[in-house]
Amino acid sequence: MVLPLIDEHKPKCYLCHEGFENIDKLREHQNLTHVDFFEKNEKQNKREPAPGDVTVF
């Protein structure tokens, strides 16, 4: 897929591919429009070590 070079500097929503003027408007859009997606996938954002991981100090 080839994307146009126009508006490359503007943040884009990865769910609906809509472009925004700044990151604050993108966050506002995601919190209002895609709130069900983020609530459903909230567990995946929590990071913790996998079983068997070894930490080296």
Protein backbone atom coordinates (compact mmCIF):
# COMPACT_ATOMS: atom_id res chain seq x y z
CA MET A 1 0.00 0.00 0.00
CA VAL A 2 1.34 3.42 -0.93
CA LEU A 3 0.49 6.36 1.31
CA PRO A 4 0.52 9.96 0.12
CA LEU A 5 3.22 12.29 1.45
CA ILE A 6 0.63 14.94 2.32
CA ASP A 7 0.04 15.44 6.06
CA GLU A 8 2.72 13.00 7.19
CA HIS A 9 3.49 15.21 10.19
CA LYS A 10 -0.08 14.97 11.55
CA PRO A 11 -0.98 12.20 14.01
CA LYS A 12 -3.36 9.55 12.70
CA CYS A 13 -5.76 7.25 14.53
CA TYR A 14 -4.64 3.66 13.97
CA LEU A 15 -8.20 2.37 14.35
CA CYS A 16 -10.06 4.51 11.80
CA HIS A 17 -7.08 6.18 9.99
CA GLU A 18 -8.47 9.67 10.51
CA GLY A 19 -5.86 12.46 10.68
CA PHE A 20 -5.76 15.19 13.37
CA GLU A 21 -4.03 18.53 13.83
CA ASN A 22 -2.23 17.57 17.06
CA ILE A 23 -1.81 14.71 19.53
CA ASP A 24 -4.32 16.22 22.00
CA LYS A 25 -7.13 16.09 19.42
CA LEU A 26 -6.16 12.49 18.61
CA ARG A 27 -6.35 11.50 22.30
CA GLU A 28 -9.70 13.25 22.64
CA HIS A 29 -11.01 11.41 19.55
CA GLN A 30 -9.85 8.02 20.83
CA ASN A 31 -11.33 8.62 24.29
CA LEU A 32 -14.71 9.57 22.83
CA THR A 33 -15.07 7.40 19.73
CA HIS A 34 -13.09 4.23 20.46
CA VAL A 35 -13.67 3.96 24.21
CA ASP A 36 -15.12 0.43 23.85
CA PHE A 37 -11.94 -0.81 22.12
CA PHE A 38 -9.66 0.58 24.83
CA GLU A 39 -11.81 -0.74 27.69
CA LYS A 40 -11.95 -4.19 26.09
CA ASN A 41 -8.18 -4.35 25.51
CA GLU A 42 -7.08 -2.74 28.77
CA LYS A 43 -5.65 -6.00 30.12
CA GLN A 44 -3.14 -6.20 27.27
CA ASN A 45 -1.57 -2.86 28.26
CA LYS A 46 -0.43 -4.17 31.65
CA ARG A 47 3.11 -5.48 31.39
CA GLU A 48 4.71 -7.90 33.76
CA PRO A 49 7.49 -10.48 33.48
CA ALA A 50 6.63 -13.74 31.78
CA PRO A 51 6.99 -16.97 33.74
CA GLY A 52 10.63 -18.08 33.67
CA ASP A 53 12.07 -14.63 32.94
CA VAL A 54 15.36 -13.97 34.69
CA THR A 55 16.35 -10.47 35.75
CA VAL A 56 20.07 -9.68 35.81
CA PHE A 57 21.15 -6.94 38.19
